[in-house]
Amino acid sequence: MKPDRQNVILEIISSKNIETQNQLMEELSARGIKSTQATLSRDIKDMRLVKQLGDNGVYRYCQPLRNDISGSDSRLSKILRESIVSYDIAMNIIVIKTLPGLASAACSSIDAMHIDGLVGTLAGDDTAFLAMKSEEAAKRLFVDIERIY
């Protein structure tokens, strides 16, 4: 039931400008899916839905771009572009060298992107380690980093 409900939520927010949880509950109800506000709130958190400013100047729910660094918040990408000195890959670990004192900011930016396959980050003063689940995941992220750097 939960995966079905969440798929319908994604369908609704991709086709309509949904500003509030009440609007989303009404849309679910219109499709025959009963949900409480607490359940809907958990779904929003689980799915990591965000509110984004639309073209009409109103905030609406949308799904974040999790698999693509270049599609993430431009401020986060800017932090990375401005702080990275060099980067390399070693099996499933990506090593990023930054300007002094900026490794933590780089890791924080990367963590906020909710990248698939990222297990965790570790920052020193000017070096960041990104542990990936697999070598393939590391290669995909490495390519994304190359695109923004």
N, C-alpha and C. Protein backbone atom coordinates (compact mmCIF):
# COMPACT_ATOMS: atom_id res chain seq x y z
N MET A 1 0.81 -1.19 0.00
CA MET A 1 0.00 0.00 0.00
C MET A 1 0.87 1.26 0.00
N LYS A 2 1.91 1.30 0.85
CA LYS A 2 2.78 2.47 0.95
C LYS A 2 3.44 2.78 -0.40
N PRO A 3 4.06 1.79 -1.09
CA PRO A 3 4.67 2.12 -2.39
C PRO A 3 3.64 2.63 -3.41
N ASP A 4 2.44 2.05 -3.38
CA ASP A 4 1.39 2.51 -4.30
C ASP A 4 1.01 3.96 -4.00
N ARG A 5 0.84 4.26 -2.72
CA ARG A 5 0.47 5.61 -2.30
C ARG A 5 1.57 6.60 -2.70
N GLN A 6 2.81 6.22 -2.47
CA GLN A 6 3.92 7.11 -2.81
C GLN A 6 4.04 7.30 -4.32
N ASN A 7 3.75 6.28 -5.10
CA ASN A 7 3.76 6.44 -6.56
C ASN A 7 2.68 7.41 -7.00
N VAL A 8 1.51 7.33 -6.38
CA VAL A 8 0.42 8.26 -6.70
C VAL A 8 0.81 9.68 -6.29
N ILE A 9 1.47 9.82 -5.16
CA ILE A 9 1.94 11.15 -4.72
C ILE A 9 2.88 11.74 -5.77
N LEU A 10 3.82 10.95 -6.25
CA LEU A 10 4.74 11.43 -7.29
C LEU A 10 3.99 11.83 -8.55
N GLU A 11 3.00 11.05 -8.91
CA GLU A 11 2.18 11.35 -10.08
C GLU A 11 1.45 12.69 -9.90
N ILE A 12 0.88 12.87 -8.71
CA ILE A 12 0.14 14.11 -8.42
C ILE A 12 1.05 15.33 -8.47
N ILE A 13 2.19 15.27 -7.77
CA ILE A 13 3.05 16.47 -7.70
C ILE A 13 3.73 16.77 -9.03
N SER A 14 3.83 15.77 -9.89
CA SER A 14 4.43 16.04 -11.20
C SER A 14 3.42 16.63 -12.18
N SER A 15 2.12 16.46 -11.88
CA SER A 15 1.11 16.96 -12.81
C SER A 15 0.37 18.20 -12.30
N LYS A 16 0.46 18.47 -11.00
CA LYS A 16 -0.26 19.62 -10.42
C LYS A 16 0.64 20.41 -9.49
N ASN A 17 0.33 21.68 -9.32
CA ASN A 17 1.04 22.51 -8.35
C ASN A 17 0.40 22.30 -6.98
N ILE A 18 1.05 21.49 -6.17
CA ILE A 18 0.55 21.18 -4.83
C ILE A 18 1.37 22.00 -3.83
N GLU A 19 0.69 22.91 -3.13
CA GLU A 19 1.36 23.81 -2.21
C GLU A 19 1.35 23.33 -0.77
N THR A 20 0.32 22.56 -0.38
CA THR A 20 0.16 22.17 1.01
C THR A 20 -0.13 20.67 1.13
N GLN A 21 0.07 20.15 2.34
CA GLN A 21 -0.27 18.76 2.61
C GLN A 21 -1.77 18.54 2.49
N ASN A 22 -2.57 19.53 2.87
CA ASN A 22 -4.03 19.40 2.74
C ASN A 22 -4.44 19.23 1.28
N GLN A 23 -3.82 20.00 0.39
CA GLN A 23 -4.12 19.85 -1.03
C GLN A 23 -3.74 18.45 -1.52
N LEU A 24 -2.60 17.97 -1.05
CA LEU A 24 -2.15 16.64 -1.44
C LEU A 24 -3.10 15.57 -0.90
N MET A 25 -3.57 15.73 0.34
CA MET A 25 -4.53 14.78 0.90
C MET A 25 -5.84 14.77 0.11
N GLU A 26 -6.29 15.94 -0.32
CA GLU A 26 -7.50 16.04 -1.12
C GLU A 26 -7.33 15.33 -2.47
N GLU A 27 -6.18 15.50 -3.09
CA GLU A 27 -5.91 14.84 -4.37
C GLU A 27 -5.85 13.33 -4.20
N LEU A 28 -5.23 12.88 -3.12
CA LEU A 28 -5.19 11.44 -2.85
C LEU A 28 -6.60 10.90 -2.62
N SER A 29 -7.38 11.63 -1.85
CA SER A 29 -8.76 11.22 -1.57
C SER A 29 -9.57 11.14 -2.86
N ALA A 30 -9.39 12.10 -3.75
CA ALA A 30 -10.10 12.11 -5.03
C ALA A 30 -9.75 10.88 -5.87
N ARG A 31 -8.60 10.31 -5.61
CA ARG A 31 -8.17 9.10 -6.33
C ARG A 31 -8.46 7.83 -5.54
N GLY A 32 -9.22 7.98 -4.46
CA GLY A 32 -9.63 6.83 -3.68
C GLY A 32 -8.61 6.34 -2.66
N ILE A 33 -7.64 7.18 -2.33
CA ILE A 33 -6.61 6.79 -1.36
C ILE A 33 -6.79 7.63 -0.11
N LYS A 34 -7.15 6.95 0.98
CA LYS A 34 -7.31 7.64 2.26
C LYS A 34 -5.96 7.71 2.95
N SER A 35 -5.67 8.87 3.55
CA SER A 35 -4.39 9.06 4.24
C SER A 35 -4.58 10.08 5.35
N THR A 36 -3.88 9.87 6.44
CA THR A 36 -3.89 10.86 7.52
C THR A 36 -2.77 11.87 7.26
N GLN A 37 -2.84 12.97 7.95
CA GLN A 37 -1.79 13.98 7.80
C GLN A 37 -0.47 13.43 8.28
N ALA A 38 -0.48 12.63 9.35
CA ALA A 38 0.77 12.06 9.88
C ALA A 38 1.41 11.11 8.87
N THR A 39 0.58 10.28 8.23
CA THR A 39 1.10 9.34 7.22
C THR A 39 1.67 10.11 6.04
N LEU A 40 0.95 11.12 5.61
CA LEU A 40 1.40 11.93 4.48
C LEU A 40 2.70 12.65 4.81
N SER A 41 2.81 13.14 6.03
CA SER A 41 4.04 13.81 6.46
C SER A 41 5.22 12.83 6.43
N ARG A 42 4.99 11.59 6.88
CA ARG A 42 6.06 10.57 6.83
C ARG A 42 6.43 10.24 5.39
N ASP A 43 5.42 10.15 4.52
CA ASP A 43 5.70 9.88 3.11
C ASP A 43 6.57 10.98 2.51
N ILE A 44 6.25 12.22 2.80
CA ILE A 44 7.01 13.36 2.28
C ILE A 44 8.45 13.29 2.76
N LYS A 45 8.62 12.94 4.03
CA LYS A 45 9.97 12.81 4.58
C LYS A 45 10.71 11.63 3.94
N ASP A 46 10.06 10.47 3.86
CA ASP A 46 10.67 9.27 3.26
C ASP A 46 11.09 9.51 1.82
N MET A 47 10.25 10.21 1.09
CA MET A 47 10.50 10.44 -0.33
C MET A 47 11.42 11.64 -0.55
N ARG A 48 11.72 12.34 0.54
CA ARG A 48 12.58 13.53 0.50
C ARG A 48 12.04 14.59 -0.45
N LEU A 49 10.72 14.74 -0.44
CA LEU A 49 10.13 15.78 -1.27
C LEU A 49 10.51 17.14 -0.72
N VAL A 50 10.64 18.09 -1.60
CA VAL A 50 11.02 19.44 -1.20
C VAL A 50 10.01 20.43 -1.77
N LYS A 51 9.97 21.59 -1.18
CA LYS A 51 9.16 22.67 -1.74
C LYS A 51 10.09 23.55 -2.56
N GLN A 52 9.65 23.81 -3.77
CA GLN A 52 10.47 24.59 -4.69
C GLN A 52 9.63 25.73 -5.24
N LEU A 53 10.27 26.87 -5.43
CA LEU A 53 9.58 28.03 -5.96
C LEU A 53 9.25 27.79 -7.43
N GLY A 54 7.96 27.87 -7.76
CA GLY A 54 7.52 27.65 -9.14
C GLY A 54 7.61 28.92 -9.96
N ASP A 55 7.33 28.79 -11.24
CA ASP A 55 7.36 29.93 -12.15
C ASP A 55 6.35 31.00 -11.77
N ASN A 56 5.27 30.57 -11.10
CA ASN A 56 4.22 31.51 -10.72
C ASN A 56 4.51 32.22 -9.39
N GLY A 57 5.70 31.96 -8.80
CA GLY A 57 6.09 32.61 -7.55
C GLY A 57 5.54 31.95 -6.31
N VAL A 58 4.97 30.75 -6.45
CA VAL A 58 4.39 30.02 -5.33
C VAL A 58 5.19 28.74 -5.11
N TYR A 59 5.42 28.40 -3.85
CA TYR A 59 6.15 27.17 -3.54
C TYR A 59 5.25 25.97 -3.73
N ARG A 60 5.85 24.87 -4.26
CA ARG A 60 5.09 23.64 -4.49
C ARG A 60 5.97 22.44 -4.21
N TYR A 61 5.34 21.32 -3.89
CA TYR A 61 6.10 20.09 -3.65
C TYR A 61 6.67 19.56 -4.95
N CYS A 62 7.89 19.06 -4.88
CA CYS A 62 8.50 18.42 -6.03
C CYS A 62 9.53 17.40 -5.54
N GLN A 63 9.93 16.53 -6.44
CA GLN A 63 10.92 15.52 -6.12
C GLN A 63 12.31 16.09 -6.41
N PRO A 64 13.23 15.97 -5.47
CA PRO A 64 14.58 16.49 -5.72
C PRO A 64 15.32 15.64 -6.73
N LEU A 65 16.28 16.23 -7.41
CA LEU A 65 17.15 15.49 -8.31
C LEU A 65 18.28 14.92 -7.48
N ARG A 66 18.21 13.63 -7.21
CA ARG A 66 19.19 13.02 -6.31
C ARG A 66 20.38 12.41 -7.02
N ASN A 67 20.21 12.07 -8.25
CA ASN A 67 21.27 11.31 -8.93
C ASN A 67 22.21 12.19 -9.72
N ASP A 68 21.98 13.47 -9.74
CA ASP A 68 22.76 14.33 -10.61
C ASP A 68 23.20 15.57 -9.85
N ILE A 69 24.47 15.66 -9.58
CA ILE A 69 24.99 16.82 -8.86
C ILE A 69 24.70 18.09 -9.63
N SER A 70 24.85 18.06 -10.96
CA SER A 70 24.68 19.28 -11.74
C SER A 70 23.26 19.82 -11.66
N GLY A 71 22.28 18.98 -11.29
CA GLY A 71 20.91 19.43 -11.16
C GLY A 71 20.57 19.88 -9.76
N SER A 72 21.46 19.76 -8.84
CA SER A 72 21.19 20.12 -7.46
C SER A 72 21.25 21.63 -7.28
N ASP A 73 20.91 22.04 -6.08
CA ASP A 73 20.91 23.45 -5.73
C ASP A 73 22.19 24.12 -6.23
N SER A 74 22.05 25.20 -6.96
CA SER A 74 23.21 25.86 -7.56
C SER A 74 24.19 26.38 -6.51
N ARG A 75 23.69 26.72 -5.32
CA ARG A 75 24.60 27.17 -4.26
C ARG A 75 25.53 26.06 -3.83
N LEU A 76 24.99 24.82 -3.73
CA LEU A 76 25.82 23.68 -3.36
C LEU A 76 26.87 23.41 -4.43
N SER A 77 26.46 23.46 -5.68
CA SER A 77 27.41 23.26 -6.77
C SER A 77 28.47 24.34 -6.78
N LYS A 78 28.08 25.57 -6.46
CA LYS A 78 29.04 26.67 -6.43
C LYS A 78 30.07 26.44 -5.33
N ILE A 79 29.63 25.98 -4.15
CA ILE A 79 30.57 25.69 -3.07
C ILE A 79 31.60 24.67 -3.54
N LEU A 80 31.13 23.64 -4.21
CA LEU A 80 32.06 22.62 -4.71
C LEU A 80 33.02 23.21 -5.74
N ARG A 81 32.48 23.93 -6.72
CA ARG A 81 33.33 24.50 -7.77
C ARG A 81 34.40 25.43 -7.18
N GLU A 82 34.00 26.21 -6.18
CA GLU A 82 34.92 27.19 -5.60
C GLU A 82 35.94 26.56 -4.65
N SER A 83 35.63 25.39 -4.07
CA SER A 83 36.51 24.83 -3.06
C SER A 83 37.43 23.72 -3.56
N ILE A 84 37.08 23.05 -4.65
CA ILE A 84 37.87 21.91 -5.13
C ILE A 84 39.16 22.37 -5.81
N VAL A 85 40.26 21.75 -5.41
CA VAL A 85 41.56 21.98 -6.04
C VAL A 85 41.84 20.83 -7.01
N SER A 86 41.60 19.60 -6.55
CA SER A 86 41.77 18.42 -7.40
C SER A 86 40.94 17.28 -6.84
N TYR A 87 40.80 16.23 -7.61
CA TYR A 87 40.03 15.07 -7.18
C TYR A 87 40.52 13.85 -7.92
N ASP A 88 40.34 12.68 -7.30
CA ASP A 88 40.75 11.43 -7.91
C ASP A 88 39.89 10.31 -7.35
N ILE A 89 39.97 9.17 -7.98
CA ILE A 89 39.16 8.03 -7.57
C ILE A 89 40.08 6.86 -7.25
N ALA A 90 39.76 6.12 -6.19
CA ALA A 90 40.50 4.93 -5.79
C ALA A 90 39.47 3.86 -5.44
N MET A 91 39.19 3.01 -6.38
CA MET A 91 38.17 1.97 -6.24
C MET A 91 36.82 2.60 -5.91
N ASN A 92 36.30 2.38 -4.70
CA ASN A 92 34.98 2.94 -4.36
C ASN A 92 35.08 4.21 -3.52
N ILE A 93 36.26 4.82 -3.48
CA ILE A 93 36.46 6.05 -2.71
C ILE A 93 36.89 7.18 -3.64
N ILE A 94 36.25 8.32 -3.47
CA ILE A 94 36.65 9.51 -4.20
C ILE A 94 37.36 10.42 -3.20
N VAL A 95 38.54 10.89 -3.60
CA VAL A 95 39.33 11.79 -2.75
C VAL A 95 39.29 13.17 -3.40
N ILE A 96 38.86 14.14 -2.62
CA ILE A 96 38.78 15.52 -3.11
C ILE A 96 39.73 16.38 -2.29
N LYS A 97 40.62 17.09 -2.95
CA LYS A 97 41.49 18.07 -2.31
C LYS A 97 40.83 19.43 -2.48
N THR A 98 40.75 20.19 -1.37
CA THR A 98 40.10 21.49 -1.41
C THR A 98 41.08 22.58 -0.97
N LEU A 99 40.64 23.80 -1.07
CA LEU A 99 41.39 24.89 -0.48
C LEU A 99 41.43 24.67 1.03
N PRO A 100 42.44 25.17 1.72
CA PRO A 100 42.54 24.96 3.17
C PRO A 100 41.26 25.38 3.91
N GLY A 101 40.79 24.48 4.77
CA GLY A 101 39.63 24.76 5.60
C GLY A 101 38.28 24.52 4.94
N LEU A 102 38.25 24.08 3.69
CA LEU A 102 36.97 23.96 2.98
C LEU A 102 36.51 22.52 2.74
N ALA A 103 37.26 21.54 3.22
CA ALA A 103 36.84 20.15 3.01
C ALA A 103 35.51 19.87 3.70
N SER A 104 35.32 20.42 4.88
CA SER A 104 34.07 20.21 5.61
C SER A 104 32.89 20.81 4.85
N ALA A 105 33.06 21.99 4.28
CA ALA A 105 31.98 22.62 3.51
C ALA A 105 31.67 21.79 2.27
N ALA A 106 32.70 21.26 1.63
CA ALA A 106 32.48 20.42 0.45
C ALA A 106 31.70 19.16 0.84
N CYS A 107 32.09 18.52 1.93
CA CYS A 107 31.38 17.31 2.39
C CYS A 107 29.94 17.63 2.77
N SER A 108 29.74 18.73 3.44
CA SER A 108 28.38 19.12 3.83
C SER A 108 27.52 19.33 2.59
N SER A 109 28.07 19.96 1.57
CA SER A 109 27.34 20.19 0.32
C SER A 109 26.99 18.88 -0.35
N ILE A 110 27.95 17.98 -0.39
CA ILE A 110 27.73 16.68 -1.03
C ILE A 110 26.70 15.87 -0.25
N ASP A 111 26.79 15.88 1.09
CA ASP A 111 25.81 15.17 1.91
C ASP A 111 24.39 15.68 1.65
N ALA A 112 24.24 16.97 1.47
CA ALA A 112 22.92 17.57 1.27
C ALA A 112 22.31 17.20 -0.08
N MET A 113 23.10 16.66 -0.97
CA MET A 113 22.61 16.30 -2.30
C MET A 113 21.93 14.94 -2.34
N HIS A 114 22.04 14.16 -1.27
CA HIS A 114 21.39 12.84 -1.19
C HIS A 114 21.70 12.00 -2.42
N ILE A 115 22.98 11.78 -2.66
CA ILE A 115 23.44 11.07 -3.85
C ILE A 115 23.28 9.56 -3.66
N ASP A 116 22.64 8.91 -4.63
CA ASP A 116 22.50 7.46 -4.58
C ASP A 116 23.87 6.81 -4.59
N GLY A 117 24.07 5.84 -3.73
CA GLY A 117 25.33 5.12 -3.68
C GLY A 117 26.36 5.72 -2.75
N LEU A 118 26.09 6.90 -2.20
CA LEU A 118 27.02 7.53 -1.27
C LEU A 118 26.77 6.99 0.13
N VAL A 119 27.79 6.35 0.69
CA VAL A 119 27.67 5.79 2.04
C VAL A 119 27.95 6.87 3.08
N GLY A 120 28.95 7.70 2.83
CA GLY A 120 29.27 8.77 3.77
C GLY A 120 30.47 9.57 3.32
N THR A 121 30.68 10.68 4.01
CA THR A 121 31.81 11.55 3.70
C THR A 121 32.62 11.77 4.97
N LEU A 122 33.89 12.07 4.78
CA LEU A 122 34.78 12.34 5.90
C LEU A 122 35.67 13.50 5.48
N ALA A 123 35.75 14.53 6.32
CA ALA A 123 36.50 15.73 5.96
C ALA A 123 37.64 15.98 6.94
N GLY A 124 38.76 16.35 6.38
CA GLY A 124 39.87 16.88 7.16
C GLY A 124 39.89 18.37 6.93
N ASP A 125 41.05 18.97 6.93
CA ASP A 125 41.17 20.41 6.68
C ASP A 125 41.02 20.71 5.19
N ASP A 126 41.79 19.99 4.37
CA ASP A 126 41.77 20.26 2.93
C ASP A 126 41.59 18.99 2.10
N THR A 127 41.13 17.91 2.73
CA THR A 127 40.92 16.65 2.02
C THR A 127 39.59 16.04 2.44
N ALA A 128 38.84 15.60 1.45
CA ALA A 128 37.55 14.97 1.71
C ALA A 128 37.55 13.57 1.10
N PHE A 129 37.03 12.60 1.85
CA PHE A 129 36.88 11.24 1.36
C PHE A 129 35.39 10.96 1.19
N LEU A 130 35.01 10.45 0.04
CA LEU A 130 33.63 10.09 -0.22
C LEU A 130 33.59 8.58 -0.41
N ALA A 131 32.98 7.87 0.52
CA ALA A 131 32.87 6.41 0.44
C ALA A 131 31.60 6.06 -0.32
N MET A 132 31.77 5.31 -1.39
CA MET A 132 30.64 4.89 -2.22
C MET A 132 30.36 3.40 -2.01
N LYS A 133 29.14 2.97 -2.30
CA LYS A 133 28.76 1.56 -2.11
C LYS A 133 29.51 0.64 -3.06
N SER A 134 29.86 1.13 -4.23
CA SER A 134 30.51 0.28 -5.22
C SER A 134 31.44 1.12 -6.09
N GLU A 135 32.29 0.43 -6.82
CA GLU A 135 33.18 1.13 -7.76
C GLU A 135 32.36 1.82 -8.85
N GLU A 136 31.29 1.16 -9.28
CA GLU A 136 30.44 1.74 -10.33
C GLU A 136 29.79 3.04 -9.84
N ALA A 137 29.31 3.05 -8.61
CA ALA A 137 28.72 4.27 -8.04
C ALA A 137 29.77 5.37 -7.94
N ALA A 138 30.99 4.99 -7.59
CA ALA A 138 32.09 5.97 -7.50
C ALA A 138 32.38 6.55 -8.87
N LYS A 139 32.39 5.71 -9.89
CA LYS A 139 32.66 6.20 -11.25
C LYS A 139 31.58 7.17 -11.71
N ARG A 140 30.30 6.86 -11.40
CA ARG A 140 29.21 7.76 -11.79
C ARG A 140 29.35 9.12 -11.10
N LEU A 141 29.64 9.10 -9.80
CA LEU A 141 29.81 10.36 -9.07
C LEU A 141 31.02 11.13 -9.58
N PHE A 142 32.09 10.42 -9.89
CA PHE A 142 33.30 11.04 -10.41
C PHE A 142 32.99 11.82 -11.70
N VAL A 143 32.19 11.21 -12.57
CA VAL A 143 31.80 11.86 -13.83
C VAL A 143 30.96 13.12 -13.53
N ASP A 144 30.06 13.03 -12.54
CA ASP A 144 29.26 14.19 -12.16
C ASP A 144 30.15 15.31 -11.62
N ILE A 145 31.14 14.96 -10.82
CA ILE A 145 32.07 15.97 -10.28
C ILE A 145 32.83 16.62 -11.42
N GLU A 146 33.25 15.84 -12.40
CA GLU A 146 33.96 16.41 -13.55
C GLU A 146 33.09 17.42 -14.28
N ARG A 147 31.79 17.16 -14.37
CA ARG A 147 30.88 18.07 -15.07
C ARG A 147 30.77 19.42 -14.38
N ILE A 148 30.80 19.44 -13.03
CA ILE A 148 30.63 20.73 -12.36
C ILE A 148 31.94 21.43 -12.10
N TYR A 149 33.06 20.70 -12.15
CA TYR A 149 34.35 21.29 -11.83
C TYR A 149 34.92 21.95 -13.02
